[in-house]
């Protein structure tokens, strides 16, 4: 098992995942999964605030940062991402449950993990930040379209306009090799999202990460639209953190969350999409508090 401040490579099939672990080896394990088009560096401010009490593990998802970028959308299906998460957990916390924290696509992954039997007993808790369940998000639009309310459907997806070019042939190339190259993404984050930037975030690989990571959208959104897969009830406690100024994800996408997680803890943070960067103290506090509370609630009673 890794000791404090480790960097390691975890294999998931043919994919190599760049993994970092920080904090006491005997502390509760938190696994933080980043979104699109980020790398694990997006978690650095939160990691710094949690590593005194927890073993905090981050990794570059496939297609991002120092991890392998397999070719083709099929390699980015949610079941492949589940294989990666399983491989990381097996490496850093063999036989022990972990607390999962996901942002954006990391949160989308997390909803799949916490509602599928494969990870029952593996997850002690799940916190999603700006990450709705994919089926819930798509269901909102599908329901409006079936009701003939095109205006309502358009209104609910207007913040997610970027999904269309990411799914279209040539769209990712146009976005990341033309429109957002040369530091334009950094300027977007700074001036519109009010996100602090540095040498590690956005990563120097962000254009390649954005191009490869577009396969997350291409592999999963059309498939789930055509074949809806209702979520089972969550098998671990869930905390949902919604940034109130998120310009990418509609608040309506979270409306069905309580159906999948009846005991859901709902929090809102006055922030844009990257709340872990703009409000790291608050996010770290909520994550740590939730993890400790869920551990305490499942601990065996002391002997008489």
C-alpha atoms as a PDB file:
ATOM      1  CA  UNK A   1       0.000   0.000   0.000  1.00  0.00           C
ATOM      2  CA  UNK A   2       1.426   3.451  -0.863  1.00  0.00           C
ATOM      3  CA  UNK A   3       2.909   5.559   1.904  1.00  0.00           C
ATOM      4  CA  UNK A   4       2.698   9.330   2.246  1.00  0.00           C
ATOM      5  CA  UNK A   5       3.314  11.413  -0.870  1.00  0.00           C
ATOM      6  CA  UNK A   6       3.558   8.663  -3.453  1.00  0.00           C
ATOM      7  CA  UNK A   7       3.457   8.819  -7.222  1.00  0.00           C
ATOM      8  CA  UNK A   8       2.702   5.540  -8.923  1.00  0.00           C
ATOM      9  CA  UNK A   9       1.446   4.022 -12.150  1.00  0.00           C
ATOM     10  CA  UNK A  10      -1.609   1.779 -12.029  1.00  0.00           C
ATOM     11  CA  UNK A  11      -2.468  -0.491 -14.933  1.00  0.00           C
ATOM     12  CA  UNK A  12      -6.040  -0.947 -16.102  1.00  0.00           C
ATOM     13  CA  UNK A  13      -5.851  -3.340 -19.020  1.00  0.00           C
ATOM     14  CA  UNK A  14      -3.615  -1.626 -21.556  1.00  0.00           C
ATOM     15  CA  UNK A  15      -4.094   1.787 -19.980  1.00  0.00           C
ATOM     16  CA  UNK A  16      -1.538   3.239 -17.581  1.00  0.00           C
ATOM     17  CA  UNK A  17      -2.962   5.651 -15.016  1.00  0.00           C
ATOM     18  CA  UNK A  18      -0.846   8.316 -13.311  1.00  0.00           C
ATOM     19  CA  UNK A  19      -1.792   8.226  -9.612  1.00  0.00           C
ATOM     20  CA  UNK A  20      -0.754  10.333  -6.629  1.00  0.00           C
ATOM     21  CA  UNK A  21      -1.349   9.676  -2.952  1.00  0.00           C
ATOM     22  CA  UNK A  22      -0.831  12.158  -0.132  1.00  0.00           C
ATOM     23  CA  UNK A  23      -1.416  11.989   3.604  1.00  0.00           C
ATOM     24  CA  UNK A  24      -1.193   9.416   6.399  1.00  0.00           C
ATOM     25  CA  UNK A  25      -1.240   5.848   5.143  1.00  0.00           C
ATOM     26  CA  UNK A  26      -3.565   4.796   7.974  1.00  0.00           C
ATOM     27  CA  UNK A  27      -6.116   7.566   7.422  1.00  0.00           C
ATOM     28  CA  UNK A  28      -9.498   7.132   5.705  1.00  0.00           C
ATOM     29  CA  UNK A  29      -8.975   7.033   1.947  1.00  0.00           C
ATOM     30  CA  UNK A  30     -10.477   9.682  -0.321  1.00  0.00           C
ATOM     31  CA  UNK A  31     -10.297   9.134  -4.091  1.00  0.00           C
ATOM     32  CA  UNK A  32     -10.805  12.364  -6.041  1.00  0.00           C
ATOM     33  CA  UNK A  33     -11.743  12.047  -9.727  1.00  0.00           C
ATOM     34  CA  UNK A  34     -11.439  15.091 -11.973  1.00  0.00           C
ATOM     35  CA  UNK A  35     -13.617  16.214 -14.856  1.00  0.00           C
ATOM     36  CA  UNK A  36     -13.226  17.534 -18.387  1.00  0.00           C
ATOM     37  CA  UNK A  37     -10.838  18.935 -19.623  1.00  0.00           C
ATOM     38  CA  UNK A  38      -8.826  18.856 -16.400  1.00  0.00           C
ATOM     39  CA  UNK A  39      -6.130  16.702 -14.846  1.00  0.00           C
ATOM     40  CA  UNK A  40      -5.718  15.619 -11.249  1.00  0.00           C
ATOM     41  CA  UNK A  41      -3.940  18.943 -10.571  1.00  0.00           C
ATOM     42  CA  UNK A  42      -7.371  20.574 -10.362  1.00  0.00           C
ATOM     43  CA  UNK A  43      -7.667  19.005  -6.903  1.00  0.00           C
ATOM     44  CA  UNK A  44      -4.399  20.370  -5.482  1.00  0.00           C
ATOM     45  CA  UNK A  45      -5.950  23.100  -3.263  1.00  0.00           C
ATOM     46  CA  UNK A  46      -8.408  20.604  -1.774  1.00  0.00           C
ATOM     47  CA  UNK A  47      -5.760  17.923  -1.308  1.00  0.00           C
ATOM     48  CA  UNK A  48      -3.587  20.367   0.629  1.00  0.00           C
ATOM     49  CA  UNK A  49      -6.473  20.997   3.056  1.00  0.00           C
ATOM     50  CA  UNK A  50      -7.336  17.323   3.620  1.00  0.00           C
ATOM     51  CA  UNK A  51      -4.004  15.507   3.662  1.00  0.00           C
ATOM     52  CA  UNK A  52      -3.428  16.061   7.385  1.00  0.00           C
ATOM     53  CA  UNK A  53      -6.349  13.744   8.254  1.00  0.00           C
ATOM     54  CA  UNK A  54      -6.987  11.612   5.170  1.00  0.00           C
ATOM     55  CA  UNK A  55      -5.120   9.540   2.660  1.00  0.00           C
ATOM     56  CA  UNK A  56      -6.006  11.556  -0.459  1.00  0.00           C
ATOM     57  CA  UNK A  57      -5.618   9.853  -3.832  1.00  0.00           C
ATOM     58  CA  UNK A  58      -5.965  11.524  -7.230  1.00  0.00           C
ATOM     59  CA  UNK A  59      -5.337  10.245 -10.730  1.00  0.00           C
ATOM     60  CA  UNK A  60      -5.368  11.453 -14.315  1.00  0.00           C
ATOM     61  CA  UNK A  61      -8.305   9.727 -16.001  1.00  0.00           C
ATOM     62  CA  UNK A  62      -7.633   7.984 -19.280  1.00  0.00           C
ATOM     63  CA  UNK A  63      -7.056  10.525 -22.035  1.00  0.00           C
ATOM     64  CA  UNK A  64      -5.769  13.205 -19.654  1.00  0.00           C
ATOM     65  CA  UNK A  65      -2.425  14.385 -18.312  1.00  0.00           C
ATOM     66  CA  UNK A  66       0.171  11.672 -17.823  1.00  0.00           C
ATOM     67  CA  UNK A  67      -2.243   8.751 -18.264  1.00  0.00           C
ATOM     68  CA  UNK A  68      -2.641   6.758 -21.450  1.00  0.00           C
ATOM     69  CA  UNK A  69      -4.928   8.212 -24.117  1.00  0.00           C
ATOM     70  CA  UNK A  70      -6.443   5.224 -25.951  1.00  0.00           C
ATOM     71  CA  UNK A  71      -7.869   5.784 -29.404  1.00  0.00           C
ATOM     72  CA  UNK A  72     -11.528   5.717 -30.290  1.00  0.00           C
ATOM     73  CA  UNK A  73     -14.703   6.546 -28.357  1.00  0.00           C
ATOM     74  CA  UNK A  74     -15.337   2.937 -27.299  1.00  0.00           C
ATOM     75  CA  UNK A  75     -12.324   3.084 -24.960  1.00  0.00           C
ATOM     76  CA  UNK A  76     -14.025   5.888 -22.990  1.00  0.00           C
ATOM     77  CA  UNK A  77     -17.301   4.158 -22.181  1.00  0.00           C
ATOM     78  CA  UNK A  78     -18.388   4.339 -18.560  1.00  0.00           C
ATOM     79  CA  UNK A  79     -17.670   0.659 -18.035  1.00  0.00           C
ATOM     80  CA  UNK A  80     -14.044   1.264 -19.043  1.00  0.00           C
ATOM     81  CA  UNK A  81     -13.850   4.189 -16.635  1.00  0.00           C
ATOM     82  CA  UNK A  82     -15.226   1.870 -13.956  1.00  0.00           C
ATOM     83  CA  UNK A  83     -12.381  -0.546 -14.673  1.00  0.00           C
ATOM     84  CA  UNK A  84      -9.907   2.290 -14.112  1.00  0.00           C
ATOM     85  CA  UNK A  85     -11.483   3.346 -10.836  1.00  0.00           C
ATOM     86  CA  UNK A  86     -11.521  -0.250  -9.634  1.00  0.00           C
ATOM     87  CA  UNK A  87      -7.846  -0.664 -10.510  1.00  0.00           C
ATOM     88  CA  UNK A  88      -6.904   2.489  -8.601  1.00  0.00           C
ATOM     89  CA  UNK A  89      -8.907   1.489  -5.522  1.00  0.00           C
ATOM     90  CA  UNK A  90      -7.442  -2.005  -5.554  1.00  0.00           C
ATOM     91  CA  UNK A  91      -3.962  -0.502  -5.654  1.00  0.00           C
ATOM     92  CA  UNK A  92      -4.322   2.177  -2.983  1.00  0.00           C
ATOM     93  CA  UNK A  93      -6.895   0.615  -0.639  1.00  0.00           C
ATOM     94  CA  UNK A  94      -7.026  -3.153  -1.184  1.00  0.00           C
ATOM     95  CA  UNK A  95      -9.997  -4.657   0.596  1.00  0.00           C
ATOM     96  CA  UNK A  96     -11.089  -1.354   2.171  1.00  0.00           C
ATOM     97  CA  UNK A  97     -13.907   1.045   1.211  1.00  0.00           C
ATOM     98  CA  UNK A  98     -13.016   4.495  -0.093  1.00  0.00           C
ATOM     99  CA  UNK A  99     -14.763   7.855  -0.111  1.00  0.00           C
ATOM    100  CA  UNK A 100     -15.267   8.953  -3.712  1.00  0.00           C
ATOM    101  CA  UNK A 101     -15.312  12.632  -4.676  1.00  0.00           C
ATOM    102  CA  UNK A 102     -16.012  13.538  -8.301  1.00  0.00           C
ATOM    103  CA  UNK A 103     -16.168  16.817 -10.172  1.00  0.00           C
ATOM    104  CA  UNK A 104     -17.907  17.262 -13.532  1.00  0.00           C
ATOM    105  CA  UNK A 105     -17.266  14.002 -15.461  1.00  0.00           C
ATOM    106  CA  UNK A 106     -15.740  12.616 -12.272  1.00  0.00           C
ATOM    107  CA  UNK A 107     -19.162  13.150 -10.692  1.00  0.00           C
ATOM    108  CA  UNK A 108     -20.926  11.575 -13.663  1.00  0.00           C
ATOM    109  CA  UNK A 109     -18.715   8.524 -13.223  1.00  0.00           C
ATOM    110  CA  UNK A 110     -19.411   8.498  -9.499  1.00  0.00           C
ATOM    111  CA  UNK A 111     -23.182   8.308  -9.962  1.00  0.00           C
ATOM    112  CA  UNK A 112     -22.648   5.190 -12.064  1.00  0.00           C
ATOM    113  CA  UNK A 113     -20.379   3.619  -9.444  1.00  0.00           C
ATOM    114  CA  UNK A 114     -22.594   4.375  -6.432  1.00  0.00           C
ATOM    115  CA  UNK A 115     -25.718   2.943  -8.082  1.00  0.00           C
ATOM    116  CA  UNK A 116     -24.217  -0.226  -9.581  1.00  0.00           C
ATOM    117  CA  UNK A 117     -23.765  -3.448  -7.659  1.00  0.00           C
ATOM    118  CA  UNK A 118     -20.183  -3.799  -8.836  1.00  0.00           C
ATOM    119  CA  UNK A 119     -19.026  -1.238  -6.269  1.00  0.00           C
ATOM    120  CA  UNK A 120     -21.344  -2.124  -3.402  1.00  0.00           C
ATOM    121  CA  UNK A 121     -19.161  -2.265  -0.312  1.00  0.00           C
ATOM    122  CA  UNK A 122     -16.289  -0.552  -2.119  1.00  0.00           C
ATOM    123  CA  UNK A 123     -17.676   2.980  -1.621  1.00  0.00           C
ATOM    124  CA  UNK A 124     -18.026   4.396   1.881  1.00  0.00           C
ATOM    125  CA  UNK A 125     -19.552   7.613   0.500  1.00  0.00           C
ATOM    126  CA  UNK A 126     -19.833   9.657  -2.668  1.00  0.00           C
ATOM    127  CA  UNK A 127     -19.622  13.431  -3.068  1.00  0.00           C
ATOM    128  CA  UNK A 128     -20.469  14.900  -6.470  1.00  0.00           C
ATOM    129  CA  UNK A 129     -19.464  18.478  -7.272  1.00  0.00           C
ATOM    130  CA  UNK A 130     -21.062  19.974 -10.404  1.00  0.00           C
ATOM    131  CA  UNK A 131     -21.678  16.442 -11.628  1.00  0.00           C
ATOM    132  CA  UNK A 132     -25.222  15.195 -12.341  1.00  0.00           C
ATOM    133  CA  UNK A 133     -26.073  11.605 -13.141  1.00  0.00           C
ATOM    134  CA  UNK A 134     -25.898  11.239 -16.917  1.00  0.00           C
ATOM    135  CA  UNK A 135     -29.268   9.506 -17.132  1.00  0.00           C
ATOM    136  CA  UNK A 136     -30.911  12.264 -15.102  1.00  0.00           C
ATOM    137  CA  UNK A 137     -29.438  15.023 -17.262  1.00  0.00           C
ATOM    138  CA  UNK A 138     -30.468  13.369 -20.497  1.00  0.00           C
ATOM    139  CA  UNK A 139     -33.866  12.409 -19.092  1.00  0.00           C
ATOM    140  CA  UNK A 140     -34.743  16.050 -18.453  1.00  0.00           C
ATOM    141  CA  UNK A 141     -34.277  16.859 -22.121  1.00  0.00           C
ATOM    142  CA  UNK A 142     -35.882  13.646 -23.360  1.00  0.00           C
ATOM    143  CA  UNK A 143     -39.013  14.248 -21.272  1.00  0.00           C
ATOM    144  CA  UNK A 144     -39.417  17.804 -22.556  1.00  0.00           C
ATOM    145  CA  UNK A 145     -39.005  16.715 -26.173  1.00  0.00           C
ATOM    146  CA  UNK A 146     -41.556  13.898 -25.812  1.00  0.00           C
ATOM    147  CA  UNK A 147     -43.996  16.387 -24.346  1.00  0.00           C
ATOM    148  CA  UNK A 148     -43.529  18.560 -27.427  1.00  0.00           C
ATOM    149  CA  UNK A 149     -42.064  21.372 -25.358  1.00  0.00           C
ATOM    150  CA  UNK A 150     -39.087  22.174 -27.579  1.00  0.00           C
ATOM    151  CA  UNK A 151     -38.647  25.583 -25.994  1.00  0.00           C
ATOM    152  CA  UNK A 152     -38.344  24.081 -22.539  1.00  0.00           C
ATOM    153  CA  UNK A 153     -35.902  21.476 -23.798  1.00  0.00           C
ATOM    154  CA  UNK A 154     -33.781  24.131 -25.470  1.00  0.00           C
ATOM    155  CA  UNK A 155     -33.815  26.252 -22.344  1.00  0.00           C
ATOM    156  CA  UNK A 156     -32.606  23.384 -20.201  1.00  0.00           C
ATOM    157  CA  UNK A 157     -29.734  22.443 -22.493  1.00  0.00           C
ATOM    158  CA  UNK A 158     -28.600  25.932 -23.459  1.00  0.00           C
ATOM    159  CA  UNK A 159     -25.779  25.873 -20.932  1.00  0.00           C
ATOM    160  CA  UNK A 160     -24.559  22.587 -22.387  1.00  0.00           C
ATOM    161  CA  UNK A 161     -24.189  23.890 -25.949  1.00  0.00           C
ATOM    162  CA  UNK A 162     -20.590  22.635 -26.093  1.00  0.00           C
ATOM    163  CA  UNK A 163     -21.770  19.002 -26.137  1.00  0.00           C
ATOM    164  CA  UNK A 164     -22.908  19.307 -29.758  1.00  0.00           C
ATOM    165  CA  UNK A 165     -19.533  20.246 -31.289  1.00  0.00           C
ATOM    166  CA  UNK A 166     -17.770  17.732 -29.056  1.00  0.00           C
ATOM    167  CA  UNK A 167     -19.958  14.939 -30.443  1.00  0.00           C
ATOM    168  CA  UNK A 168     -19.826  16.001 -34.093  1.00  0.00           C
ATOM    169  CA  UNK A 169     -17.111  14.748 -36.475  1.00  0.00           C
ATOM    170  CA  UNK A 170     -14.272  17.273 -36.457  1.00  0.00           C
ATOM    171  CA  UNK A 171     -15.802  19.230 -33.591  1.00  0.00           C
ATOM    172  CA  UNK A 172     -13.139  18.471 -30.959  1.00  0.00           C
ATOM    173  CA  UNK A 173     -10.404  19.355 -33.434  1.00  0.00           C
ATOM    174  CA  UNK A 174     -12.078  22.663 -34.217  1.00  0.00           C
ATOM    175  CA  UNK A 175     -12.501  23.502 -30.540  1.00  0.00           C
ATOM    176  CA  UNK A 176      -9.149  22.457 -29.134  1.00  0.00           C
ATOM    177  CA  UNK A 177      -6.762  22.785 -32.063  1.00  0.00           C
ATOM    178  CA  UNK A 178      -8.187  26.048 -33.335  1.00  0.00           C
ATOM    179  CA  UNK A 179     -10.598  27.948 -31.107  1.00  0.00           C
ATOM    180  CA  UNK A 180      -8.982  27.245 -27.713  1.00  0.00           C
ATOM    181  CA  UNK A 181      -5.297  26.885 -28.499  1.00  0.00           C
ATOM    182  CA  UNK A 182      -2.611  29.401 -27.650  1.00  0.00           C
ATOM    183  CA  UNK A 183      -3.710  30.120 -24.098  1.00  0.00           C
ATOM    184  CA  UNK A 184      -7.328  30.940 -24.918  1.00  0.00           C
ATOM    185  CA  UNK A 185      -8.638  28.365 -22.457  1.00  0.00           C
ATOM    186  CA  UNK A 186      -6.472  29.881 -19.708  1.00  0.00           C
ATOM    187  CA  UNK A 187      -7.898  33.316 -20.458  1.00  0.00           C
ATOM    188  CA  UNK A 188     -11.447  31.910 -20.390  1.00  0.00           C
ATOM    189  CA  UNK A 189     -10.853  30.436 -16.953  1.00  0.00           C
ATOM    190  CA  UNK A 190      -9.297  33.615 -15.628  1.00  0.00           C
ATOM    191  CA  UNK A 191     -11.680  36.237 -16.971  1.00  0.00           C
ATOM    192  CA  UNK A 192     -15.030  34.445 -17.190  1.00  0.00           C
ATOM    193  CA  UNK A 193     -14.825  31.692 -14.583  1.00  0.00           C
ATOM    194  CA  UNK A 194     -12.682  33.720 -12.152  1.00  0.00           C
ATOM    195  CA  UNK A 195     -10.578  30.616 -11.535  1.00  0.00           C
ATOM    196  CA  UNK A 196      -6.998  30.979 -10.299  1.00  0.00           C
ATOM    197  CA  UNK A 197      -4.503  29.554 -12.792  1.00  0.00           C
ATOM    198  CA  UNK A 198      -0.919  28.431 -12.341  1.00  0.00           C
ATOM    199  CA  UNK A 199       1.692  26.201 -13.959  1.00  0.00           C
ATOM    200  CA  UNK A 200      -0.287  23.005 -13.333  1.00  0.00           C
ATOM    201  CA  UNK A 201      -3.866  24.148 -13.949  1.00  0.00           C
ATOM    202  CA  UNK A 202      -4.851  24.333 -16.658  1.00  0.00           C
ATOM    203  CA  UNK A 203      -2.330  21.648 -17.518  1.00  0.00           C
ATOM    204  CA  UNK A 204       0.194  22.245 -20.310  1.00  0.00           C
ATOM    205  CA  UNK A 205      -1.513  19.279 -22.011  1.00  0.00           C
ATOM    206  CA  UNK A 206      -4.988  20.848 -21.919  1.00  0.00           C
ATOM    207  CA  UNK A 207      -5.514  21.016 -25.690  1.00  0.00           C
ATOM    208  CA  UNK A 208      -4.590  17.351 -26.127  1.00  0.00           C
ATOM    209  CA  UNK A 209      -6.619  16.467 -23.035  1.00  0.00           C
ATOM    210  CA  UNK A 210      -9.630  18.314 -24.418  1.00  0.00           C
ATOM    211  CA  UNK A 211      -9.288  16.596 -27.776  1.00  0.00           C
ATOM    212  CA  UNK A 212      -8.915  13.085 -26.327  1.00  0.00           C
ATOM    213  CA  UNK A 213     -11.448  13.675 -23.553  1.00  0.00           C
ATOM    214  CA  UNK A 214     -14.137  14.599 -26.074  1.00  0.00           C
ATOM    215  CA  UNK A 215     -14.508  10.837 -26.441  1.00  0.00           C
ATOM    216  CA  UNK A 216     -16.250  10.851 -23.048  1.00  0.00           C
ATOM    217  CA  UNK A 217     -19.118  12.701 -24.696  1.00  0.00           C
ATOM    218  CA  UNK A 218     -19.015  10.786 -27.968  1.00  0.00           C
ATOM    219  CA  UNK A 219     -18.949   7.384 -26.292  1.00  0.00           C
ATOM    220  CA  UNK A 220     -21.570   7.895 -23.607  1.00  0.00           C
ATOM    221  CA  UNK A 221     -24.122  10.557 -24.497  1.00  0.00           C
ATOM    222  CA  UNK A 222     -25.500   9.123 -27.792  1.00  0.00           C
ATOM    223  CA  UNK A 223     -25.424   5.619 -26.305  1.00  0.00           C
ATOM    224  CA  UNK A 224     -27.365   6.654 -23.200  1.00  0.00           C
ATOM    225  CA  UNK A 225     -29.831   8.708 -25.245  1.00  0.00           C
ATOM    226  CA  UNK A 226     -30.666   5.687 -27.369  1.00  0.00           C
ATOM    227  CA  UNK A 227     -30.574   3.182 -24.507  1.00  0.00           C
ATOM    228  CA  UNK A 228     -31.723   4.773 -21.244  1.00  0.00           C
ATOM    229  CA  UNK A 229     -30.454   2.862 -18.238  1.00  0.00           C
ATOM    230  CA  UNK A 230     -32.330   3.829 -15.057  1.00  0.00           C
ATOM    231  CA  UNK A 231     -30.184   4.119 -11.973  1.00  0.00           C
ATOM    232  CA  UNK A 232     -30.698   1.780  -9.046  1.00  0.00           C
ATOM    233  CA  UNK A 233     -30.779   3.280  -5.540  1.00  0.00           C
ATOM    234  CA  UNK A 234     -27.382   4.388  -4.257  1.00  0.00           C
ATOM    235  CA  UNK A 235     -25.670   1.822  -2.042  1.00  0.00           C
ATOM    236  CA  UNK A 236     -23.646   4.463  -0.149  1.00  0.00           C
ATOM    237  CA  UNK A 237     -24.432   7.921   1.299  1.00  0.00           C
ATOM    238  CA  UNK A 238     -24.380  10.695  -1.307  1.00  0.00           C
ATOM    239  CA  UNK A 239     -23.555  14.377  -0.988  1.00  0.00           C
ATOM    240  CA  UNK A 240     -24.357  16.709  -3.879  1.00  0.00           C
ATOM    241  CA  UNK A 241     -22.609  20.076  -4.131  1.00  0.00           C
ATOM    242  CA  UNK A 242     -24.069  22.444  -6.733  1.00  0.00           C
ATOM    243  CA  UNK A 243     -22.269  25.644  -7.786  1.00  0.00           C
ATOM    244  CA  UNK A 244     -25.017  28.257  -8.152  1.00  0.00           C
ATOM    245  CA  UNK A 245     -23.212  30.144 -10.931  1.00  0.00           C
ATOM    246  CA  UNK A 246     -22.355  27.150 -13.091  1.00  0.00           C
ATOM    247  CA  UNK A 247     -22.557  28.320 -16.697  1.00  0.00           C
ATOM    248  CA  UNK A 248     -22.180  24.783 -18.093  1.00  0.00           C
ATOM    249  CA  UNK A 249     -24.694  22.617 -16.218  1.00  0.00           C
ATOM    250  CA  UNK A 250     -28.369  23.421 -15.730  1.00  0.00           C
ATOM    251  CA  UNK A 251     -29.740  23.129 -12.195  1.00  0.00           C
ATOM    252  CA  UNK A 252     -32.629  21.092 -13.670  1.00  0.00           C
ATOM    253  CA  UNK A 253     -30.209  18.217 -14.276  1.00  0.00           C
ATOM    254  CA  UNK A 254     -30.147  17.539 -10.528  1.00  0.00           C
ATOM    255  CA  UNK A 255     -33.920  17.377 -10.049  1.00  0.00           C
ATOM    256  CA  UNK A 256     -34.064  13.575  -9.952  1.00  0.00           C
ATOM    257  CA  UNK A 257     -31.065  13.092  -7.673  1.00  0.00           C
ATOM    258  CA  UNK A 258     -33.122  12.309  -4.578  1.00  0.00           C
ATOM    259  CA  UNK A 259     -34.786   9.388  -6.375  1.00  0.00           C
ATOM    260  CA  UNK A 260     -31.419   7.677  -6.757  1.00  0.00           C
ATOM    261  CA  UNK A 261     -30.143   8.777  -3.345  1.00  0.00           C
ATOM    262  CA  UNK A 262     -33.044   9.050  -0.869  1.00  0.00           C
ATOM    263  CA  UNK A 263     -30.850  10.327   1.980  1.00  0.00           C
ATOM    264  CA  UNK A 264     -29.097  12.854  -0.255  1.00  0.00           C
ATOM    265  CA  UNK A 265     -27.230  15.701   1.414  1.00  0.00           C
ATOM    266  CA  UNK A 266     -27.768  18.742  -0.798  1.00  0.00           C
ATOM    267  CA  UNK A 267     -25.429  21.723  -0.587  1.00  0.00           C
ATOM    268  CA  UNK A 268     -25.049  24.843  -2.705  1.00  0.00           C
ATOM    269  CA  UNK A 269     -21.948  26.978  -3.080  1.00  0.00           C
ATOM    270  CA  UNK A 270     -21.885  30.465  -4.581  1.00  0.00           C
ATOM    271  CA  UNK A 271     -19.331  29.719  -7.261  1.00  0.00           C
ATOM    272  CA  UNK A 272     -18.781  29.056 -10.913  1.00  0.00           C
ATOM    273  CA  UNK A 273     -18.203  25.520 -12.218  1.00  0.00           C
ATOM    274  CA  UNK A 274     -14.778  24.920 -10.608  1.00  0.00           C
ATOM    275  CA  UNK A 275     -15.829  25.330  -6.979  1.00  0.00           C
ATOM    276  CA  UNK A 276     -12.863  23.300  -5.708  1.00  0.00           C
ATOM    277  CA  UNK A 277     -10.590  26.057  -7.024  1.00  0.00           C
ATOM    278  CA  UNK A 278     -12.627  29.113  -6.093  1.00  0.00           C
ATOM    279  CA  UNK A 279     -13.787  27.850  -2.660  1.00  0.00           C
ATOM    280  CA  UNK A 280     -11.258  25.198  -1.608  1.00  0.00           C
ATOM    281  CA  UNK A 281     -11.684  25.741   2.142  1.00  0.00           C
ATOM    282  CA  UNK A 282     -15.439  25.239   1.948  1.00  0.00           C
ATOM    283  CA  UNK A 283     -15.256  22.248  -0.395  1.00  0.00           C
ATOM    284  CA  UNK A 284     -12.537  20.526   1.643  1.00  0.00           C
ATOM    285  CA  UNK A 285     -14.530  21.135   4.821  1.00  0.00           C
ATOM    286  CA  UNK A 286     -17.703  19.619   3.396  1.00  0.00           C
ATOM    287  CA  UNK A 287     -15.868  16.626   1.904  1.00  0.00           C
ATOM    288  CA  UNK A 288     -13.974  15.878   5.102  1.00  0.00           C
ATOM    289  CA  UNK A 289     -17.021  16.344   7.303  1.00  0.00           C
ATOM    290  CA  UNK A 290     -19.154  14.028   5.171  1.00  0.00           C
ATOM    291  CA  UNK A 291     -16.481  11.336   5.080  1.00  0.00           C
ATOM    292  CA  UNK A 292     -15.982  11.380   8.845  1.00  0.00           C
ATOM    293  CA  UNK A 293     -19.724  11.364   9.523  1.00  0.00           C
ATOM    294  CA  UNK A 294     -20.357   8.385   7.255  1.00  0.00           C
ATOM    295  CA  UNK A 295     -17.439   6.500   8.773  1.00  0.00           C
ATOM    296  CA  UNK A 296     -18.784   7.180  12.255  1.00  0.00           C
ATOM    297  CA  UNK A 297     -22.280   6.030  11.310  1.00  0.00           C
ATOM    298  CA  UNK A 298     -21.022   2.666  10.041  1.00  0.00           C
ATOM    299  CA  UNK A 299     -18.425   2.000  12.759  1.00  0.00           C
ATOM    300  CA  UNK A 300     -19.202  -0.965  15.011  1.00  0.00           C
ATOM    301  CA  UNK A 301     -20.291  -0.055  18.530  1.00  0.00           C
ATOM    302  CA  UNK A 302     -17.618  -0.131  21.220  1.00  0.00           C
ATOM    303  CA  UNK A 303     -17.471  -3.300  23.314  1.00  0.00           C
ATOM    304  CA  UNK A 304     -19.475  -3.185  26.554  1.00  0.00           C
END
